[in-house]
Amino acid sequence: MGPIEHTLFAFMVGLTACGLAGSAMELISGRRLAFVDPYVSPAHVLRSLVTTVCAGPLMFANEALDAWRQGRISALALISCGCTATIWALALGVVLIDIASRAGMLLGSADFSV
């Protein structure tokens, strides 16, 4: 695979992980995904960090679309938010692929013989 295919693969991994995490969180909590409680809270910083890392691009896109519908941001700002969410999903995919690669190497080097 060339660099374009690697980039697209990383983006799709990040987008898939973001969508799965966001959908699961919405189903569990019964609320729309956004940067508000119960997803992001100053009382639960670690949980908020993990939630934001995993489902952040979807949260950001939801917040930007709401702001655009209410007239709080312009179309150019909405496009900028879409680009940011895209880059965020790509970065998430790169991190997840790296974690999976390192875990695979660790498991592959283990000696399971008895």
N, C-alpha and C. Protein backbone atom coordinates (compact mmCIF):
# COMPACT_ATOMS: atom_id res chain seq x y z
N MET A 1 0.84 -1.18 0.00
CA MET A 1 0.00 0.00 0.00
C MET A 1 0.88 1.24 0.00
N GLY A 2 0.40 2.23 -0.69
CA GLY A 2 1.11 3.50 -0.75
C GLY A 2 0.67 4.43 0.37
N PRO A 3 1.23 5.63 0.40
CA PRO A 3 0.90 6.57 1.47
C PRO A 3 -0.57 7.02 1.46
N ILE A 4 -1.17 7.10 0.29
CA ILE A 4 -2.57 7.50 0.22
C ILE A 4 -3.46 6.43 0.83
N GLU A 5 -3.18 5.18 0.52
CA GLU A 5 -3.97 4.08 1.07
C GLU A 5 -3.78 3.98 2.58
N HIS A 6 -2.56 4.18 3.06
CA HIS A 6 -2.30 4.16 4.50
C HIS A 6 -3.08 5.26 5.21
N THR A 7 -3.07 6.44 4.61
CA THR A 7 -3.79 7.57 5.21
C THR A 7 -5.29 7.31 5.23
N LEU A 8 -5.83 6.81 4.13
CA LEU A 8 -7.26 6.51 4.08
C LEU A 8 -7.63 5.40 5.07
N PHE A 9 -6.76 4.40 5.19
CA PHE A 9 -7.01 3.32 6.14
C PHE A 9 -7.03 3.85 7.57
N ALA A 10 -6.05 4.70 7.91
CA ALA A 10 -6.00 5.27 9.25
C ALA A 10 -7.23 6.13 9.52
N PHE A 11 -7.66 6.91 8.52
CA PHE A 11 -8.86 7.72 8.68
C PHE A 11 -10.08 6.85 8.92
N MET A 12 -10.22 5.79 8.15
CA MET A 12 -11.38 4.91 8.30
C MET A 12 -11.37 4.18 9.64
N VAL A 13 -10.19 3.79 10.13
CA VAL A 13 -10.10 3.17 11.46
C VAL A 13 -10.55 4.16 12.52
N GLY A 14 -10.07 5.40 12.44
CA GLY A 14 -10.46 6.42 13.41
C GLY A 14 -11.93 6.75 13.34
N LEU A 15 -12.46 6.86 12.14
CA LEU A 15 -13.87 7.17 11.97
C LEU A 15 -14.75 6.04 12.49
N THR A 16 -14.34 4.81 12.23
CA THR A 16 -15.10 3.66 12.71
C THR A 16 -15.07 3.58 14.23
N ALA A 17 -13.89 3.76 14.82
CA ALA A 17 -13.78 3.72 16.28
C ALA A 17 -14.60 4.84 16.92
N CYS A 18 -14.53 6.02 16.33
CA CYS A 18 -15.29 7.16 16.83
C CYS A 18 -16.79 6.89 16.75
N GLY A 19 -17.23 6.37 15.63
CA GLY A 19 -18.66 6.08 15.46
C GLY A 19 -19.15 5.00 16.39
N LEU A 20 -18.36 3.94 16.55
CA LEU A 20 -18.76 2.87 17.46
C LEU A 20 -18.82 3.35 18.91
N ALA A 21 -17.78 4.08 19.33
CA ALA A 21 -17.75 4.59 20.70
C ALA A 21 -18.89 5.58 20.94
N GLY A 22 -19.09 6.49 20.00
CA GLY A 22 -20.15 7.49 20.15
C GLY A 22 -21.53 6.87 20.16
N SER A 23 -21.77 5.92 19.28
CA SER A 23 -23.08 5.26 19.24
C SER A 23 -23.34 4.47 20.51
N ALA A 24 -22.31 3.78 20.99
CA ALA A 24 -22.47 3.01 22.24
C ALA A 24 -22.78 3.95 23.40
N MET A 25 -22.08 5.08 23.47
CA MET A 25 -22.32 6.02 24.56
C MET A 25 -23.72 6.62 24.47
N GLU A 26 -24.19 6.93 23.26
CA GLU A 26 -25.55 7.45 23.11
C GLU A 26 -26.59 6.41 23.51
N LEU A 27 -26.37 5.16 23.13
CA LEU A 27 -27.32 4.11 23.49
C LEU A 27 -27.35 3.88 25.00
N ILE A 28 -26.19 3.90 25.63
CA ILE A 28 -26.13 3.65 27.08
C ILE A 28 -26.75 4.79 27.87
N SER A 29 -26.42 6.03 27.49
CA SER A 29 -26.91 7.16 28.28
C SER A 29 -28.28 7.65 27.85
N GLY A 30 -28.66 7.38 26.61
CA GLY A 30 -29.95 7.85 26.12
C GLY A 30 -29.97 9.33 25.77
N ARG A 31 -28.80 9.95 25.71
CA ARG A 31 -28.69 11.37 25.38
C ARG A 31 -27.81 11.55 24.15
N ARG A 32 -28.04 12.66 23.47
CA ARG A 32 -27.25 12.99 22.28
C ARG A 32 -25.81 13.28 22.68
N LEU A 33 -24.88 12.86 21.84
CA LEU A 33 -23.45 13.02 22.11
C LEU A 33 -23.04 14.48 21.96
N ALA A 34 -22.47 15.06 23.03
CA ALA A 34 -22.03 16.45 23.01
C ALA A 34 -21.01 16.65 24.13
N PHE A 35 -20.40 17.82 24.14
CA PHE A 35 -19.42 18.15 25.18
C PHE A 35 -20.12 18.64 26.45
N VAL A 36 -21.05 17.87 26.95
CA VAL A 36 -21.80 18.20 28.17
C VAL A 36 -21.87 16.96 29.06
N ASP A 37 -22.36 17.18 30.28
CA ASP A 37 -22.57 16.08 31.20
C ASP A 37 -23.61 15.13 30.60
N PRO A 38 -23.52 13.88 30.61
CA PRO A 38 -22.69 12.96 31.37
C PRO A 38 -21.39 12.58 30.67
N TYR A 39 -21.14 13.08 29.47
CA TYR A 39 -19.95 12.69 28.73
C TYR A 39 -18.70 13.43 29.19
N VAL A 40 -18.82 14.73 29.39
CA VAL A 40 -17.69 15.54 29.82
C VAL A 40 -18.08 16.26 31.09
N SER A 41 -17.30 16.04 32.15
CA SER A 41 -17.62 16.62 33.44
C SER A 41 -16.33 16.95 34.19
N PRO A 42 -16.27 18.11 34.86
CA PRO A 42 -15.08 18.42 35.63
C PRO A 42 -14.91 17.52 36.85
N ALA A 43 -15.96 16.88 37.27
CA ALA A 43 -15.88 15.97 38.42
C ALA A 43 -15.21 14.65 38.05
N HIS A 44 -15.25 14.28 36.78
CA HIS A 44 -14.69 13.01 36.31
C HIS A 44 -13.73 13.29 35.15
N VAL A 45 -12.55 13.78 35.48
CA VAL A 45 -11.61 14.24 34.46
C VAL A 45 -11.10 13.09 33.60
N LEU A 46 -10.72 11.98 34.20
CA LEU A 46 -10.18 10.86 33.42
C LEU A 46 -11.24 10.28 32.49
N ARG A 47 -12.44 10.09 32.99
CA ARG A 47 -13.54 9.59 32.15
C ARG A 47 -13.83 10.57 31.02
N SER A 48 -13.82 11.86 31.32
CA SER A 48 -14.06 12.87 30.29
C SER A 48 -12.97 12.85 29.22
N LEU A 49 -11.73 12.65 29.65
CA LEU A 49 -10.62 12.60 28.70
C LEU A 49 -10.75 11.41 27.76
N VAL A 50 -11.04 10.24 28.31
CA VAL A 50 -11.20 9.04 27.49
C VAL A 50 -12.38 9.20 26.53
N THR A 51 -13.47 9.73 27.04
CA THR A 51 -14.65 9.94 26.20
C THR A 51 -14.35 10.90 25.06
N THR A 52 -13.66 11.98 25.37
CA THR A 52 -13.35 12.98 24.36
C THR A 52 -12.37 12.45 23.33
N VAL A 53 -11.39 11.67 23.76
CA VAL A 53 -10.43 11.10 22.81
C VAL A 53 -11.14 10.14 21.87
N CYS A 54 -11.98 9.27 22.41
CA CYS A 54 -12.61 8.23 21.59
C CYS A 54 -13.72 8.76 20.69
N ALA A 55 -14.59 9.59 21.23
CA ALA A 55 -15.74 10.03 20.45
C ALA A 55 -15.71 11.52 20.14
N GLY A 56 -14.57 12.16 20.36
CA GLY A 56 -14.44 13.60 20.17
C GLY A 56 -14.81 14.12 18.79
N PRO A 57 -14.36 13.48 17.71
CA PRO A 57 -14.73 14.01 16.39
C PRO A 57 -16.24 14.05 16.17
N LEU A 58 -16.94 13.04 16.65
CA LEU A 58 -18.40 13.02 16.51
C LEU A 58 -19.04 14.08 17.41
N MET A 59 -18.53 14.24 18.62
CA MET A 59 -19.02 15.29 19.52
C MET A 59 -18.83 16.66 18.89
N PHE A 60 -17.64 16.88 18.36
CA PHE A 60 -17.30 18.18 17.76
C PHE A 60 -18.19 18.47 16.56
N ALA A 61 -18.41 17.47 15.73
CA ALA A 61 -19.29 17.66 14.57
C ALA A 61 -20.73 17.95 15.00
N ASN A 62 -21.22 17.25 16.01
CA ASN A 62 -22.57 17.51 16.52
C ASN A 62 -22.70 18.94 17.03
N GLU A 63 -21.72 19.38 17.82
CA GLU A 63 -21.75 20.74 18.38
C GLU A 63 -21.68 21.78 17.27
N ALA A 64 -20.84 21.55 16.27
CA ALA A 64 -20.71 22.51 15.16
C ALA A 64 -22.00 22.59 14.35
N LEU A 65 -22.62 21.45 14.08
CA LEU A 65 -23.89 21.47 13.34
C LEU A 65 -24.99 22.19 14.12
N ASP A 66 -25.04 21.97 15.43
CA ASP A 66 -26.03 22.68 16.25
C ASP A 66 -25.80 24.18 16.22
N ALA A 67 -24.54 24.58 16.35
CA ALA A 67 -24.21 26.01 16.33
C ALA A 67 -24.55 26.63 14.97
N TRP A 68 -24.30 25.89 13.90
CA TRP A 68 -24.62 26.41 12.56
C TRP A 68 -26.13 26.53 12.36
N ARG A 69 -26.89 25.54 12.82
CA ARG A 69 -28.35 25.59 12.69
C ARG A 69 -28.95 26.76 13.48
N GLN A 70 -28.33 27.09 14.61
CA GLN A 70 -28.82 28.18 15.44
C GLN A 70 -28.26 29.54 15.01
N GLY A 71 -27.41 29.54 14.00
CA GLY A 71 -26.86 30.78 13.47
C GLY A 71 -25.72 31.37 14.30
N ARG A 72 -25.13 30.56 15.17
CA ARG A 72 -24.04 31.06 16.01
C ARG A 72 -22.69 31.04 15.29
N ILE A 73 -22.54 30.21 14.23
CA ILE A 73 -21.31 30.19 13.44
C ILE A 73 -21.68 30.27 11.96
N SER A 74 -20.73 30.70 11.16
CA SER A 74 -20.94 30.83 9.72
C SER A 74 -20.67 29.50 9.02
N ALA A 75 -20.98 29.47 7.74
CA ALA A 75 -20.71 28.26 6.95
C ALA A 75 -19.22 27.98 6.87
N LEU A 76 -18.41 29.04 6.80
CA LEU A 76 -16.96 28.86 6.76
C LEU A 76 -16.45 28.26 8.06
N ALA A 77 -17.01 28.68 9.18
CA ALA A 77 -16.62 28.10 10.47
C ALA A 77 -17.07 26.64 10.55
N LEU A 78 -18.22 26.32 9.98
CA LEU A 78 -18.69 24.93 9.96
C LEU A 78 -17.74 24.06 9.14
N ILE A 79 -17.27 24.57 8.01
CA ILE A 79 -16.31 23.83 7.19
C ILE A 79 -15.01 23.63 7.96
N SER A 80 -14.57 24.65 8.66
CA SER A 80 -13.37 24.54 9.47
C SER A 80 -13.53 23.49 10.56
N CYS A 81 -14.68 23.45 11.19
CA CYS A 81 -14.95 22.44 12.21
C CYS A 81 -14.97 21.03 11.59
N GLY A 82 -15.51 20.91 10.39
CA GLY A 82 -15.51 19.63 9.70
C GLY A 82 -14.10 19.16 9.38
N CYS A 83 -13.25 20.09 8.96
CA CYS A 83 -11.85 19.74 8.69
C CYS A 83 -11.14 19.31 9.97
N THR A 84 -11.41 20.01 11.07
CA THR A 84 -10.81 19.66 12.35
C THR A 84 -11.26 18.28 12.81
N ALA A 85 -12.54 17.98 12.67
CA ALA A 85 -13.05 16.66 13.05
C ALA A 85 -12.43 15.57 12.18
N THR A 86 -12.21 15.86 10.90
CA THR A 86 -11.59 14.90 9.99
C THR A 86 -10.15 14.61 10.41
N ILE A 87 -9.40 15.66 10.71
CA ILE A 87 -8.01 15.48 11.15
C ILE A 87 -7.96 14.75 12.48
N TRP A 88 -8.91 15.05 13.36
CA TRP A 88 -8.99 14.38 14.66
C TRP A 88 -9.24 12.89 14.48
N ALA A 89 -10.16 12.52 13.58
CA ALA A 89 -10.44 11.11 13.31
C ALA A 89 -9.21 10.42 12.70
N LEU A 90 -8.48 11.12 11.84
CA LEU A 90 -7.26 10.56 11.26
C LEU A 90 -6.22 10.31 12.35
N ALA A 91 -6.04 11.28 13.23
CA ALA A 91 -5.07 11.11 14.33
C ALA A 91 -5.49 9.97 15.25
N LEU A 92 -6.76 9.84 15.53
CA LEU A 92 -7.26 8.73 16.35
C LEU A 92 -6.96 7.40 15.67
N GLY A 93 -7.15 7.33 14.36
CA GLY A 93 -6.85 6.10 13.62
C GLY A 93 -5.38 5.74 13.67
N VAL A 94 -4.51 6.75 13.52
CA VAL A 94 -3.07 6.49 13.59
C VAL A 94 -2.69 5.94 14.96
N VAL A 95 -3.22 6.54 16.02
CA VAL A 95 -2.92 6.08 17.37
C VAL A 95 -3.44 4.67 17.59
N LEU A 96 -4.65 4.38 17.15
CA LEU A 96 -5.21 3.04 17.34
C LEU A 96 -4.44 1.98 16.55
N ILE A 97 -4.03 2.31 15.33
CA ILE A 97 -3.23 1.36 14.55
C ILE A 97 -1.89 1.11 15.22
N ASP A 98 -1.28 2.16 15.76
CA ASP A 98 0.00 2.00 16.46
C ASP A 98 -0.16 1.13 17.70
N ILE A 99 -1.22 1.36 18.46
CA ILE A 99 -1.47 0.54 19.65
C ILE A 99 -1.70 -0.91 19.26
N ALA A 100 -2.48 -1.15 18.22
CA ALA A 100 -2.75 -2.51 17.77
C ALA A 100 -1.47 -3.17 17.25
N SER A 101 -0.64 -2.42 16.56
CA SER A 101 0.61 -2.96 16.04
C SER A 101 1.54 -3.37 17.17
N ARG A 102 1.68 -2.49 18.15
CA ARG A 102 2.55 -2.80 19.29
C ARG A 102 2.01 -3.98 20.10
N ALA A 103 0.71 -4.05 20.28
CA ALA A 103 0.11 -5.18 21.00
C ALA A 103 0.32 -6.47 20.23
N GLY A 104 0.20 -6.40 18.90
CA GLY A 104 0.44 -7.58 18.09
C GLY A 104 1.87 -8.07 18.17
N MET A 105 2.82 -7.13 18.19
CA MET A 105 4.23 -7.53 18.32
C MET A 105 4.50 -8.15 19.69
N LEU A 106 3.90 -7.59 20.73
CA LEU A 106 4.10 -8.14 22.07
C LEU A 106 3.50 -9.54 22.19
N LEU A 107 2.32 -9.72 21.62
CA LEU A 107 1.68 -11.04 21.66
C LEU A 107 2.39 -12.03 20.77
N GLY A 108 2.93 -11.56 19.66
CA GLY A 108 3.62 -12.43 18.72
C GLY A 108 4.98 -12.91 19.26
N SER A 109 5.59 -12.10 20.11
CA SER A 109 6.88 -12.49 20.65
C SER A 109 6.79 -13.32 21.92
N ALA A 110 5.57 -13.49 22.42
CA ALA A 110 5.39 -14.27 23.65
C ALA A 110 5.57 -15.76 23.37
N ASP A 111 6.11 -16.45 24.33
CA ASP A 111 6.29 -17.88 24.21
C ASP A 111 5.20 -18.58 25.02
N PHE A 112 4.25 -19.20 24.32
CA PHE A 112 3.12 -19.83 24.98
C PHE A 112 3.30 -21.35 25.13
N SER A 113 4.48 -21.86 24.86
CA SER A 113 4.69 -23.31 24.98
C SER A 113 4.76 -23.70 26.46
N VAL A 114 4.31 -24.91 26.72
CA VAL A 114 4.27 -25.39 28.10
C VAL A 114 5.45 -26.29 28.38
